[in-house]
Amino acid sequence: MQRARVAVFAMYATMAISTLTMLGEMLELRGVIALEIAPEEPLALAYTVILLVNFVIYIGSVIAVGMWIHRAHANLHEAGIPGLEFSPGWAVGWYFIPIAFLFKPFQAMRELWNASHQTGNSFSAPAPGNLSLWWGLWIISNILANISTRTSLFGDGTNFQVAAALNLGSSICTIGSAWLLLQIIRAITTAQADGIAVAQIFD
């Protein structure tokens, strides 16, 4: 269960730093922080540090959650659950494949949830609401962040407010998706610990 605890901690860290980032983005929208004009101001410097920490925590969270997903799927295979569509490696690997990352990871997580809870056909059975909402918020967050980056890099220099608004929306979605993923991790971990006879759970 160690990997689950690390992944849960990563989600708390993600929510905390995303909240601080969101506050900075709100100050940007109000014109209190202007990174493009006065990056040396104390608030701007503090916001820059927050953005750097945000990036580090994001990378750490990706690694922590990826390791948990791999272990959780491996538990299903070790338990001899029939009809599994995803290997532990591809359950993680699909997150890094263009186009496929929009839907394959969700299918893998749905299979993980259903098989762990021993609910019908693990691949095709409907996903619970929190799973669908988590994935929707995650996708929206990434889309908004991507548009914001393109707006900042390729705009004419007058659209920083638009980029800040998009980033704010992305941060809100990130907080929501992190909270839901935290609940999902806990539920799957509990289901596997209670209901799957595996020699070694979450080593």
N, C-alpha and C. Protein backbone atom coordinates (compact mmCIF):
# COMPACT_ATOMS: atom_id res chain seq x y z
N MET A 1 0.81 -1.21 0.00
CA MET A 1 0.00 0.00 0.00
C MET A 1 0.85 1.26 0.00
N GLN A 2 2.17 1.10 -0.02
CA GLN A 2 3.06 2.25 0.02
C GLN A 2 2.87 3.16 -1.20
N ARG A 3 2.72 2.54 -2.37
CA ARG A 3 2.55 3.36 -3.58
C ARG A 3 1.25 4.15 -3.54
N ALA A 4 0.22 3.56 -2.98
CA ALA A 4 -1.05 4.28 -2.85
C ALA A 4 -0.89 5.49 -1.93
N ARG A 5 -0.18 5.31 -0.84
CA ARG A 5 0.03 6.43 0.10
C ARG A 5 0.82 7.56 -0.56
N VAL A 6 1.83 7.19 -1.33
CA VAL A 6 2.63 8.21 -2.03
C VAL A 6 1.77 8.95 -3.06
N ALA A 7 0.95 8.19 -3.80
CA ALA A 7 0.09 8.80 -4.81
C ALA A 7 -0.93 9.74 -4.17
N VAL A 8 -1.49 9.33 -3.03
CA VAL A 8 -2.45 10.18 -2.32
C VAL A 8 -1.76 11.45 -1.84
N PHE A 9 -0.56 11.32 -1.28
CA PHE A 9 0.20 12.50 -0.86
C PHE A 9 0.46 13.42 -2.04
N ALA A 10 0.77 12.84 -3.20
CA ALA A 10 1.02 13.64 -4.40
C ALA A 10 -0.21 14.43 -4.81
N MET A 11 -1.39 13.82 -4.62
CA MET A 11 -2.63 14.53 -4.96
C MET A 11 -2.88 15.70 -4.00
N TYR A 12 -2.58 15.49 -2.72
CA TYR A 12 -2.71 16.60 -1.76
C TYR A 12 -1.75 17.73 -2.12
N ALA A 13 -0.52 17.36 -2.48
CA ALA A 13 0.47 18.36 -2.87
C ALA A 13 0.02 19.10 -4.12
N THR A 14 -0.55 18.37 -5.07
CA THR A 14 -1.05 18.98 -6.30
C THR A 14 -2.15 19.98 -6.01
N MET A 15 -3.07 19.60 -5.13
CA MET A 15 -4.17 20.52 -4.79
C MET A 15 -3.64 21.77 -4.08
N ALA A 16 -2.67 21.59 -3.20
CA ALA A 16 -2.12 22.72 -2.45
C ALA A 16 -1.41 23.70 -3.37
N ILE A 17 -0.51 23.19 -4.22
CA ILE A 17 0.25 24.09 -5.08
C ILE A 17 -0.64 24.69 -6.17
N SER A 18 -1.65 23.94 -6.61
CA SER A 18 -2.57 24.47 -7.62
C SER A 18 -3.43 25.59 -7.03
N THR A 19 -3.74 25.48 -5.74
CA THR A 19 -4.49 26.55 -5.08
C THR A 19 -3.66 27.82 -5.01
N LEU A 20 -2.36 27.68 -4.66
CA LEU A 20 -1.48 28.85 -4.63
C LEU A 20 -1.32 29.43 -6.03
N THR A 21 -1.19 28.56 -7.02
CA THR A 21 -1.08 29.01 -8.41
C THR A 21 -2.34 29.76 -8.83
N MET A 22 -3.48 29.24 -8.43
CA MET A 22 -4.75 29.87 -8.76
C MET A 22 -4.85 31.27 -8.17
N LEU A 23 -4.36 31.44 -6.94
CA LEU A 23 -4.36 32.77 -6.32
C LEU A 23 -3.48 33.73 -7.11
N GLY A 24 -2.31 33.24 -7.55
CA GLY A 24 -1.43 34.07 -8.37
C GLY A 24 -2.08 34.45 -9.68
N GLU A 25 -2.80 33.53 -10.28
CA GLU A 25 -3.48 33.81 -11.55
C GLU A 25 -4.60 34.83 -11.37
N MET A 26 -5.27 34.77 -10.22
CA MET A 26 -6.30 35.77 -9.93
C MET A 26 -5.68 37.16 -9.77
N LEU A 27 -4.50 37.21 -9.14
CA LEU A 27 -3.81 38.49 -8.99
C LEU A 27 -3.32 39.00 -10.35
N GLU A 28 -2.95 38.07 -11.23
CA GLU A 28 -2.58 38.47 -12.59
C GLU A 28 -3.76 39.11 -13.30
N LEU A 29 -4.92 38.51 -13.18
CA LEU A 29 -6.11 39.03 -13.84
C LEU A 29 -6.48 40.42 -13.31
N ARG A 30 -6.20 40.65 -12.04
CA ARG A 30 -6.51 41.96 -11.43
C ARG A 30 -5.41 42.99 -11.70
N GLY A 31 -4.32 42.55 -12.32
CA GLY A 31 -3.23 43.45 -12.62
C GLY A 31 -2.27 43.69 -11.49
N VAL A 32 -2.44 42.97 -10.38
CA VAL A 32 -1.55 43.12 -9.22
C VAL A 32 -0.18 42.52 -9.53
N ILE A 33 -0.17 41.40 -10.26
CA ILE A 33 1.06 40.76 -10.71
C ILE A 33 1.15 40.89 -12.21
N ALA A 34 2.31 41.34 -12.69
CA ALA A 34 2.52 41.49 -14.14
C ALA A 34 3.90 40.94 -14.47
N LEU A 35 3.98 39.64 -14.70
CA LEU A 35 5.27 39.01 -14.95
C LEU A 35 5.95 39.56 -16.19
N GLU A 36 5.15 39.94 -17.17
CA GLU A 36 5.74 40.43 -18.43
C GLU A 36 6.25 41.85 -18.34
N ILE A 37 5.82 42.60 -17.30
CA ILE A 37 6.22 44.00 -17.16
C ILE A 37 7.18 44.20 -15.98
N ALA A 38 6.83 43.63 -14.84
CA ALA A 38 7.65 43.83 -13.63
C ALA A 38 7.93 42.50 -12.95
N PRO A 39 8.75 41.65 -13.58
CA PRO A 39 9.03 40.33 -13.00
C PRO A 39 9.86 40.38 -11.72
N GLU A 40 10.48 41.55 -11.44
CA GLU A 40 11.34 41.65 -10.26
C GLU A 40 10.56 42.06 -9.00
N GLU A 41 9.28 42.38 -9.13
CA GLU A 41 8.48 42.75 -7.97
C GLU A 41 8.35 41.56 -7.01
N PRO A 42 8.28 41.81 -5.69
CA PRO A 42 8.21 40.70 -4.72
C PRO A 42 7.10 39.69 -5.01
N LEU A 43 5.90 40.18 -5.29
CA LEU A 43 4.80 39.27 -5.57
C LEU A 43 5.05 38.46 -6.84
N ALA A 44 5.63 39.12 -7.83
CA ALA A 44 5.93 38.43 -9.08
C ALA A 44 7.00 37.36 -8.87
N LEU A 45 8.00 37.68 -8.06
CA LEU A 45 9.04 36.70 -7.76
C LEU A 45 8.47 35.49 -7.00
N ALA A 46 7.58 35.79 -6.02
CA ALA A 46 6.96 34.71 -5.26
C ALA A 46 6.11 33.84 -6.18
N TYR A 47 5.39 34.48 -7.09
CA TYR A 47 4.55 33.74 -8.04
C TYR A 47 5.41 32.87 -8.96
N THR A 48 6.55 33.38 -9.37
CA THR A 48 7.46 32.62 -10.22
C THR A 48 7.95 31.37 -9.50
N VAL A 49 8.28 31.52 -8.21
CA VAL A 49 8.70 30.36 -7.41
C VAL A 49 7.57 29.34 -7.33
N ILE A 50 6.35 29.83 -7.12
CA ILE A 50 5.19 28.93 -7.04
C ILE A 50 5.03 28.16 -8.34
N LEU A 51 5.21 28.83 -9.47
CA LEU A 51 5.08 28.17 -10.77
C LEU A 51 6.14 27.09 -10.95
N LEU A 52 7.36 27.37 -10.48
CA LEU A 52 8.43 26.37 -10.58
C LEU A 52 8.13 25.16 -9.69
N VAL A 53 7.66 25.44 -8.46
CA VAL A 53 7.32 24.35 -7.55
C VAL A 53 6.15 23.54 -8.13
N ASN A 54 5.21 24.24 -8.74
CA ASN A 54 4.08 23.58 -9.39
C ASN A 54 4.55 22.57 -10.43
N PHE A 55 5.53 22.99 -11.23
CA PHE A 55 6.06 22.10 -12.28
C PHE A 55 6.74 20.88 -11.66
N VAL A 56 7.52 21.10 -10.61
CA VAL A 56 8.22 19.98 -9.95
C VAL A 56 7.21 19.00 -9.36
N ILE A 57 6.18 19.53 -8.69
CA ILE A 57 5.17 18.67 -8.09
C ILE A 57 4.39 17.92 -9.17
N TYR A 58 4.15 18.58 -10.29
CA TYR A 58 3.44 17.91 -11.39
C TYR A 58 4.23 16.70 -11.88
N ILE A 59 5.54 16.87 -12.08
CA ILE A 59 6.38 15.75 -12.52
C ILE A 59 6.37 14.64 -11.48
N GLY A 60 6.52 15.02 -10.22
CA GLY A 60 6.50 14.03 -9.15
C GLY A 60 5.18 13.28 -9.07
N SER A 61 4.08 14.00 -9.29
CA SER A 61 2.76 13.38 -9.24
C SER A 61 2.56 12.40 -10.39
N VAL A 62 3.05 12.78 -11.56
CA VAL A 62 2.95 11.88 -12.72
C VAL A 62 3.67 10.56 -12.41
N ILE A 63 4.86 10.67 -11.84
CA ILE A 63 5.63 9.47 -11.50
C ILE A 63 4.92 8.64 -10.43
N ALA A 64 4.45 9.31 -9.36
CA ALA A 64 3.81 8.60 -8.25
C ALA A 64 2.53 7.90 -8.69
N VAL A 65 1.69 8.60 -9.44
CA VAL A 65 0.43 8.00 -9.89
C VAL A 65 0.70 6.90 -10.91
N GLY A 66 1.68 7.12 -11.79
CA GLY A 66 2.03 6.10 -12.77
C GLY A 66 2.49 4.81 -12.10
N MET A 67 3.29 4.94 -11.04
CA MET A 67 3.75 3.75 -10.31
C MET A 67 2.59 3.04 -9.62
N TRP A 68 1.65 3.82 -9.09
CA TRP A 68 0.49 3.20 -8.45
C TRP A 68 -0.38 2.48 -9.48
N ILE A 69 -0.63 3.12 -10.63
CA ILE A 69 -1.43 2.49 -11.67
C ILE A 69 -0.80 1.17 -12.12
N HIS A 70 0.51 1.19 -12.33
CA HIS A 70 1.22 -0.02 -12.76
C HIS A 70 1.06 -1.14 -11.74
N ARG A 71 1.26 -0.83 -10.45
CA ARG A 71 1.15 -1.83 -9.40
C ARG A 71 -0.28 -2.35 -9.27
N ALA A 72 -1.25 -1.45 -9.36
CA ALA A 72 -2.65 -1.84 -9.21
C ALA A 72 -3.08 -2.78 -10.34
N HIS A 73 -2.65 -2.47 -11.57
CA HIS A 73 -2.97 -3.36 -12.69
C HIS A 73 -2.22 -4.69 -12.56
N ALA A 74 -0.99 -4.64 -12.09
CA ALA A 74 -0.23 -5.87 -11.89
C ALA A 74 -0.94 -6.77 -10.88
N ASN A 75 -1.56 -6.18 -9.85
CA ASN A 75 -2.30 -6.96 -8.87
C ASN A 75 -3.42 -7.75 -9.52
N LEU A 76 -4.10 -7.13 -10.48
CA LEU A 76 -5.20 -7.81 -11.17
C LEU A 76 -4.68 -9.03 -11.92
N HIS A 77 -3.54 -8.85 -12.61
CA HIS A 77 -2.97 -9.96 -13.39
C HIS A 77 -2.47 -11.06 -12.46
N GLU A 78 -1.86 -10.67 -11.35
CA GLU A 78 -1.36 -11.67 -10.40
C GLU A 78 -2.50 -12.44 -9.76
N ALA A 79 -3.65 -11.80 -9.64
CA ALA A 79 -4.80 -12.46 -9.05
C ALA A 79 -5.52 -13.36 -10.04
N GLY A 80 -5.10 -13.32 -11.32
CA GLY A 80 -5.72 -14.17 -12.33
C GLY A 80 -7.09 -13.70 -12.76
N ILE A 81 -7.35 -12.39 -12.68
CA ILE A 81 -8.64 -11.85 -13.12
C ILE A 81 -8.77 -12.09 -14.63
N PRO A 82 -9.83 -12.74 -15.10
CA PRO A 82 -9.95 -13.04 -16.53
C PRO A 82 -10.43 -11.84 -17.35
N GLY A 83 -10.12 -11.87 -18.64
CA GLY A 83 -10.65 -10.88 -19.57
C GLY A 83 -10.05 -9.49 -19.51
N LEU A 84 -8.87 -9.34 -18.94
CA LEU A 84 -8.25 -8.02 -18.83
C LEU A 84 -7.72 -7.57 -20.19
N GLU A 85 -7.98 -6.33 -20.54
CA GLU A 85 -7.56 -5.78 -21.83
C GLU A 85 -6.22 -5.07 -21.75
N PHE A 86 -5.85 -4.61 -20.55
CA PHE A 86 -4.66 -3.77 -20.41
C PHE A 86 -3.60 -4.44 -19.56
N SER A 87 -2.37 -4.40 -20.03
CA SER A 87 -1.23 -4.84 -19.22
C SER A 87 -0.84 -3.71 -18.29
N PRO A 88 -0.11 -3.98 -17.22
CA PRO A 88 0.34 -2.90 -16.34
C PRO A 88 1.14 -1.83 -17.08
N GLY A 89 2.01 -2.28 -18.01
CA GLY A 89 2.83 -1.31 -18.74
C GLY A 89 2.01 -0.39 -19.61
N TRP A 90 1.04 -0.95 -20.35
CA TRP A 90 0.24 -0.11 -21.24
C TRP A 90 -0.79 0.72 -20.48
N ALA A 91 -1.18 0.30 -19.30
CA ALA A 91 -2.08 1.12 -18.50
C ALA A 91 -1.45 2.48 -18.20
N VAL A 92 -0.13 2.48 -18.11
CA VAL A 92 0.62 3.73 -17.91
C VAL A 92 1.06 4.31 -19.25
N GLY A 93 1.51 3.45 -20.16
CA GLY A 93 2.08 3.91 -21.42
C GLY A 93 1.12 4.70 -22.29
N TRP A 94 -0.19 4.39 -22.22
CA TRP A 94 -1.15 5.08 -23.07
C TRP A 94 -1.22 6.58 -22.77
N TYR A 95 -0.80 6.99 -21.58
CA TYR A 95 -0.82 8.42 -21.25
C TYR A 95 0.14 9.22 -22.13
N PHE A 96 1.10 8.54 -22.76
CA PHE A 96 2.14 9.23 -23.51
C PHE A 96 2.03 9.01 -25.02
N ILE A 97 0.92 8.42 -25.47
CA ILE A 97 0.72 8.17 -26.89
C ILE A 97 -0.24 9.22 -27.45
N PRO A 98 0.20 10.01 -28.45
CA PRO A 98 -0.68 11.04 -29.03
C PRO A 98 -2.02 10.47 -29.47
N ILE A 99 -3.05 11.26 -29.33
CA ILE A 99 -4.43 10.93 -29.66
C ILE A 99 -5.00 9.88 -28.70
N ALA A 100 -4.30 8.74 -28.60
CA ALA A 100 -4.80 7.66 -27.74
C ALA A 100 -4.88 8.11 -26.28
N PHE A 101 -4.03 9.08 -25.87
CA PHE A 101 -4.05 9.51 -24.47
C PHE A 101 -5.36 10.19 -24.09
N LEU A 102 -6.18 10.52 -25.09
CA LEU A 102 -7.47 11.16 -24.81
C LEU A 102 -8.51 10.17 -24.28
N PHE A 103 -8.34 8.87 -24.57
CA PHE A 103 -9.38 7.92 -24.16
C PHE A 103 -8.83 6.59 -23.59
N LYS A 104 -7.67 6.14 -24.04
CA LYS A 104 -7.15 4.86 -23.59
C LYS A 104 -6.87 4.82 -22.08
N PRO A 105 -6.24 5.85 -21.50
CA PRO A 105 -6.01 5.81 -20.05
C PRO A 105 -7.31 5.72 -19.25
N PHE A 106 -8.35 6.38 -19.74
CA PHE A 106 -9.64 6.30 -19.06
C PHE A 106 -10.19 4.88 -19.11
N GLN A 107 -10.06 4.24 -20.27
CA GLN A 107 -10.52 2.86 -20.39
C GLN A 107 -9.75 1.94 -19.44
N ALA A 108 -8.44 2.18 -19.34
CA ALA A 108 -7.62 1.37 -18.44
C ALA A 108 -8.02 1.59 -16.99
N MET A 109 -8.31 2.83 -16.61
CA MET A 109 -8.72 3.12 -15.24
C MET A 109 -10.10 2.53 -14.97
N ARG A 110 -10.98 2.57 -15.96
CA ARG A 110 -12.31 1.96 -15.80
C ARG A 110 -12.17 0.45 -15.58
N GLU A 111 -11.29 -0.17 -16.35
CA GLU A 111 -11.05 -1.60 -16.16
C GLU A 111 -10.48 -1.87 -14.77
N LEU A 112 -9.57 -1.03 -14.34
CA LEU A 112 -8.96 -1.19 -13.01
C LEU A 112 -10.02 -1.07 -11.92
N TRP A 113 -10.89 -0.08 -12.05
CA TRP A 113 -11.96 0.11 -11.06
C TRP A 113 -12.90 -1.08 -11.04
N ASN A 114 -13.42 -1.45 -12.20
CA ASN A 114 -14.41 -2.51 -12.27
C ASN A 114 -13.85 -3.87 -11.85
N ALA A 115 -12.63 -4.19 -12.29
CA ALA A 115 -12.03 -5.46 -11.92
C ALA A 115 -11.70 -5.50 -10.43
N SER A 116 -11.24 -4.39 -9.90
CA SER A 116 -10.91 -4.34 -8.47
C SER A 116 -12.15 -4.49 -7.61
N HIS A 117 -13.26 -3.92 -8.09
CA HIS A 117 -14.52 -4.03 -7.36
C HIS A 117 -15.33 -5.24 -7.81
N GLN A 118 -14.75 -6.00 -8.76
CA GLN A 118 -15.41 -7.20 -9.27
C GLN A 118 -16.82 -6.89 -9.75
N THR A 119 -16.89 -5.89 -10.66
CA THR A 119 -18.16 -5.41 -11.18
C THR A 119 -18.30 -5.77 -12.65
N GLY A 120 -19.04 -6.81 -12.97
CA GLY A 120 -19.36 -7.17 -14.34
C GLY A 120 -18.14 -7.29 -15.23
N ASN A 121 -18.34 -6.96 -16.50
CA ASN A 121 -17.25 -6.97 -17.48
C ASN A 121 -16.36 -5.77 -17.19
N SER A 122 -15.13 -6.01 -16.79
CA SER A 122 -14.27 -4.93 -16.32
C SER A 122 -13.94 -3.91 -17.38
N PHE A 123 -13.99 -4.31 -18.68
CA PHE A 123 -13.60 -3.38 -19.74
C PHE A 123 -14.78 -2.55 -20.24
N SER A 124 -15.93 -3.20 -20.42
CA SER A 124 -17.06 -2.52 -21.05
C SER A 124 -18.12 -2.03 -20.08
N ALA A 125 -18.06 -2.44 -18.82
CA ALA A 125 -19.06 -1.99 -17.85
C ALA A 125 -18.96 -0.49 -17.66
N PRO A 126 -20.09 0.17 -17.42
CA PRO A 126 -20.08 1.63 -17.25
C PRO A 126 -19.17 2.05 -16.10
N ALA A 127 -18.57 3.21 -16.26
CA ALA A 127 -17.71 3.74 -15.20
C ALA A 127 -18.55 4.51 -14.20
N PRO A 128 -18.16 4.50 -12.93
CA PRO A 128 -18.87 5.31 -11.94
C PRO A 128 -18.70 6.79 -12.26
N GLY A 129 -19.64 7.60 -11.75
CA GLY A 129 -19.64 9.02 -12.09
C GLY A 129 -18.36 9.75 -11.75
N ASN A 130 -17.76 9.43 -10.60
CA ASN A 130 -16.55 10.16 -10.21
C ASN A 130 -15.38 9.86 -11.14
N LEU A 131 -15.38 8.66 -11.76
CA LEU A 131 -14.32 8.32 -12.70
C LEU A 131 -14.44 9.15 -13.97
N SER A 132 -15.66 9.26 -14.49
CA SER A 132 -15.89 10.05 -15.70
C SER A 132 -15.61 11.53 -15.45
N LEU A 133 -16.04 12.03 -14.29
CA LEU A 133 -15.82 13.44 -13.97
C LEU A 133 -14.34 13.72 -13.80
N TRP A 134 -13.61 12.81 -13.14
CA TRP A 134 -12.16 12.97 -13.01
C TRP A 134 -11.51 13.10 -14.36
N TRP A 135 -11.84 12.21 -15.27
CA TRP A 135 -11.19 12.24 -16.58
C TRP A 135 -11.58 13.48 -17.37
N GLY A 136 -12.85 13.88 -17.28
CA GLY A 136 -13.28 15.08 -17.98
C GLY A 136 -12.54 16.32 -17.50
N LEU A 137 -12.41 16.46 -16.19
CA LEU A 137 -11.70 17.62 -15.63
C LEU A 137 -10.22 17.60 -16.01
N TRP A 138 -9.63 16.40 -16.02
CA TRP A 138 -8.22 16.27 -16.37
C TRP A 138 -7.98 16.69 -17.82
N ILE A 139 -8.84 16.25 -18.72
CA ILE A 139 -8.71 16.60 -20.13
C ILE A 139 -8.91 18.11 -20.33
N ILE A 140 -9.95 18.66 -19.72
CA ILE A 140 -10.21 20.10 -19.85
C ILE A 140 -9.04 20.91 -19.31
N SER A 141 -8.50 20.48 -18.17
CA SER A 141 -7.35 21.18 -17.58
C SER A 141 -6.18 21.23 -18.55
N ASN A 142 -5.89 20.11 -19.18
CA ASN A 142 -4.77 20.06 -20.11
C ASN A 142 -5.03 20.88 -21.37
N ILE A 143 -6.25 20.86 -21.86
CA ILE A 143 -6.59 21.64 -23.05
C ILE A 143 -6.45 23.13 -22.77
N LEU A 144 -6.98 23.59 -21.63
CA LEU A 144 -6.88 25.00 -21.27
C LEU A 144 -5.43 25.43 -21.10
N ALA A 145 -4.62 24.58 -20.45
CA ALA A 145 -3.21 24.92 -20.24
C ALA A 145 -2.47 24.99 -21.56
N ASN A 146 -2.80 24.08 -22.48
CA ASN A 146 -2.16 24.08 -23.80
C ASN A 146 -2.51 25.32 -24.59
N ILE A 147 -3.79 25.69 -24.57
CA ILE A 147 -4.22 26.90 -25.28
C ILE A 147 -3.56 28.14 -24.68
N SER A 148 -3.48 28.17 -23.35
CA SER A 148 -2.85 29.30 -22.67
C SER A 148 -1.39 29.45 -23.08
N THR A 149 -0.66 28.32 -23.13
CA THR A 149 0.75 28.37 -23.53
C THR A 149 0.90 28.89 -24.94
N ARG A 150 0.08 28.42 -25.85
CA ARG A 150 0.14 28.88 -27.23
C ARG A 150 -0.22 30.35 -27.34
N THR A 151 -1.20 30.78 -26.55
CA THR A 151 -1.60 32.18 -26.55
C THR A 151 -0.46 33.07 -26.09
N SER A 152 0.26 32.62 -25.06
CA SER A 152 1.38 33.41 -24.53
C SER A 152 2.57 33.45 -25.48
N LEU A 153 2.87 32.31 -26.09
CA LEU A 153 4.06 32.22 -26.94
C LEU A 153 3.87 32.83 -28.31
N PHE A 154 2.66 32.69 -28.85
CA PHE A 154 2.46 33.11 -30.23
C PHE A 154 1.53 34.30 -30.38
N GLY A 155 1.14 34.89 -29.25
CA GLY A 155 0.30 36.07 -29.32
C GLY A 155 1.11 37.32 -29.63
N ASP A 156 0.43 38.45 -29.65
CA ASP A 156 1.10 39.71 -30.00
C ASP A 156 1.54 40.50 -28.78
N GLY A 157 1.49 39.87 -27.61
CA GLY A 157 1.95 40.55 -26.39
C GLY A 157 0.85 41.25 -25.63
N THR A 158 -0.37 41.27 -26.17
CA THR A 158 -1.47 41.97 -25.50
C THR A 158 -2.49 40.99 -24.91
N ASN A 159 -2.17 39.73 -24.96
CA ASN A 159 -3.17 38.73 -24.55
C ASN A 159 -2.77 37.97 -23.29
N PHE A 160 -1.97 38.59 -22.43
CA PHE A 160 -1.58 37.92 -21.20
C PHE A 160 -2.77 37.71 -20.26
N GLN A 161 -3.75 38.60 -20.33
CA GLN A 161 -4.94 38.45 -19.50
C GLN A 161 -5.74 37.22 -19.93
N VAL A 162 -5.80 37.02 -21.25
CA VAL A 162 -6.50 35.83 -21.76
C VAL A 162 -5.79 34.57 -21.30
N ALA A 163 -4.46 34.57 -21.39
CA ALA A 163 -3.68 33.42 -20.96
C ALA A 163 -3.87 33.16 -19.47
N ALA A 164 -3.90 34.22 -18.67
CA ALA A 164 -4.09 34.08 -17.22
C ALA A 164 -5.47 33.50 -16.92
N ALA A 165 -6.49 33.94 -17.66
CA ALA A 165 -7.84 33.42 -17.45
C ALA A 165 -7.91 31.93 -17.79
N LEU A 166 -7.25 31.55 -18.88
CA LEU A 166 -7.21 30.14 -19.27
C LEU A 166 -6.47 29.31 -18.22
N ASN A 167 -5.36 29.84 -17.72
CA ASN A 167 -4.60 29.14 -16.68
C ASN A 167 -5.42 28.99 -15.40
N LEU A 168 -6.20 30.02 -15.08
CA LEU A 168 -7.05 29.96 -13.89
C LEU A 168 -8.07 28.82 -14.03
N GLY A 169 -8.68 28.74 -15.21
CA GLY A 169 -9.62 27.65 -15.45
C GLY A 169 -8.94 26.30 -15.36
N SER A 170 -7.72 26.21 -15.88
CA SER A 170 -6.95 24.97 -15.83
C SER A 170 -6.65 24.58 -14.38
N SER A 171 -6.28 25.55 -13.56
CA SER A 171 -5.96 25.26 -12.16
C SER A 171 -7.18 24.76 -11.40
N ILE A 172 -8.33 25.38 -11.66
CA ILE A 172 -9.57 24.95 -11.00
C ILE A 172 -9.88 23.50 -11.37
N CYS A 173 -9.76 23.18 -12.66
CA CYS A 173 -10.01 21.80 -13.11
C CYS A 173 -8.99 20.83 -12.53
N THR A 174 -7.74 21.28 -12.41
CA THR A 174 -6.69 20.42 -11.84
C THR A 174 -7.00 20.07 -10.39
N ILE A 175 -7.44 21.06 -9.62
CA ILE A 175 -7.78 20.81 -8.22
C ILE A 175 -8.92 19.80 -8.13
N GLY A 176 -9.94 19.99 -8.97
CA GLY A 176 -11.07 19.06 -8.96
C GLY A 176 -10.68 17.66 -9.37
N SER A 177 -9.86 17.54 -10.40
CA SER A 177 -9.46 16.21 -10.87
C SER A 177 -8.54 15.52 -9.86
N ALA A 178 -7.68 16.29 -9.19
CA ALA A 178 -6.79 15.72 -8.18
C ALA A 178 -7.60 15.19 -6.99
N TRP A 179 -8.62 15.94 -6.58
CA TRP A 179 -9.45 15.49 -5.47
C TRP A 179 -10.19 14.20 -5.84
N LEU A 180 -10.72 14.14 -7.04
CA LEU A 180 -11.44 12.94 -7.46
C LEU A 180 -10.49 11.75 -7.60
N LEU A 181 -9.29 12.00 -8.15
CA LEU A 181 -8.33 10.91 -8.30
C LEU A 181 -7.90 10.38 -6.94
N LEU A 182 -7.77 11.27 -5.98
CA LEU A 182 -7.44 10.84 -4.62
C LEU A 182 -8.49 9.85 -4.10
N GLN A 183 -9.78 10.17 -4.32
CA GLN A 183 -10.85 9.28 -3.88
C GLN A 183 -10.81 7.95 -4.64
N ILE A 184 -10.50 8.02 -5.93
CA ILE A 184 -10.43 6.82 -6.76
C ILE A 184 -9.30 5.91 -6.28
N ILE A 185 -8.14 6.50 -6.03
CA ILE A 185 -6.99 5.71 -5.55
C ILE A 185 -7.33 5.00 -4.25
N ARG A 186 -7.92 5.72 -3.32
CA ARG A 186 -8.29 5.12 -2.04
C ARG A 186 -9.31 3.99 -2.22
N ALA A 187 -10.31 4.21 -3.07
CA ALA A 187 -11.36 3.21 -3.25
C ALA A 187 -10.81 1.94 -3.90
N ILE A 188 -9.97 2.10 -4.92
CA ILE A 188 -9.40 0.93 -5.59
C ILE A 188 -8.44 0.19 -4.67
N THR A 189 -7.64 0.94 -3.93
CA THR A 189 -6.70 0.32 -3.00
C THR A 189 -7.44 -0.49 -1.95
N THR A 190 -8.50 0.07 -1.40
CA THR A 190 -9.29 -0.65 -0.40
C THR A 190 -9.94 -1.89 -1.01
N ALA A 191 -10.49 -1.74 -2.22
CA ALA A 191 -11.15 -2.86 -2.88
C ALA A 191 -10.17 -3.99 -3.14
N GLN A 192 -8.97 -3.66 -3.56
CA GLN A 192 -7.98 -4.70 -3.83
C GLN A 192 -7.50 -5.34 -2.53
N ALA A 193 -7.29 -4.55 -1.52
CA ALA A 193 -6.82 -5.10 -0.25
C ALA A 193 -7.86 -6.02 0.38
N ASP A 194 -9.14 -5.69 0.19
CA ASP A 194 -10.21 -6.46 0.82
C ASP A 194 -10.71 -7.63 -0.03
N GLY A 195 -10.65 -7.46 -1.37
CA GLY A 195 -11.35 -8.42 -2.20
C GLY A 195 -10.53 -9.22 -3.18
N ILE A 196 -9.24 -8.97 -3.32
CA ILE A 196 -8.42 -9.70 -4.29
C ILE A 196 -7.32 -10.44 -3.55
N ALA A 197 -7.24 -11.72 -3.79
CA ALA A 197 -6.21 -12.54 -3.12
C ALA A 197 -4.93 -12.49 -3.93
N VAL A 198 -4.10 -11.53 -3.60
CA VAL A 198 -2.83 -11.38 -4.27
C VAL A 198 -1.73 -11.60 -3.21
N ALA A 199 -0.69 -12.27 -3.60
CA ALA A 199 0.38 -12.59 -2.64
C ALA A 199 0.98 -11.33 -2.04
N GLN A 200 1.11 -10.28 -2.88
CA GLN A 200 1.73 -9.06 -2.38
C GLN A 200 0.98 -7.86 -2.95
N ILE A 201 0.24 -7.18 -2.11
CA ILE A 201 -0.55 -6.04 -2.55
C ILE A 201 0.24 -4.76 -2.33
N PHE A 202 0.39 -3.98 -3.39
CA PHE A 202 1.02 -2.66 -3.31
C PHE A 202 2.34 -2.71 -2.55
N ASP A 203 3.27 -3.50 -3.10
CA ASP A 203 4.55 -3.60 -2.42
C ASP A 203 5.31 -2.30 -2.49
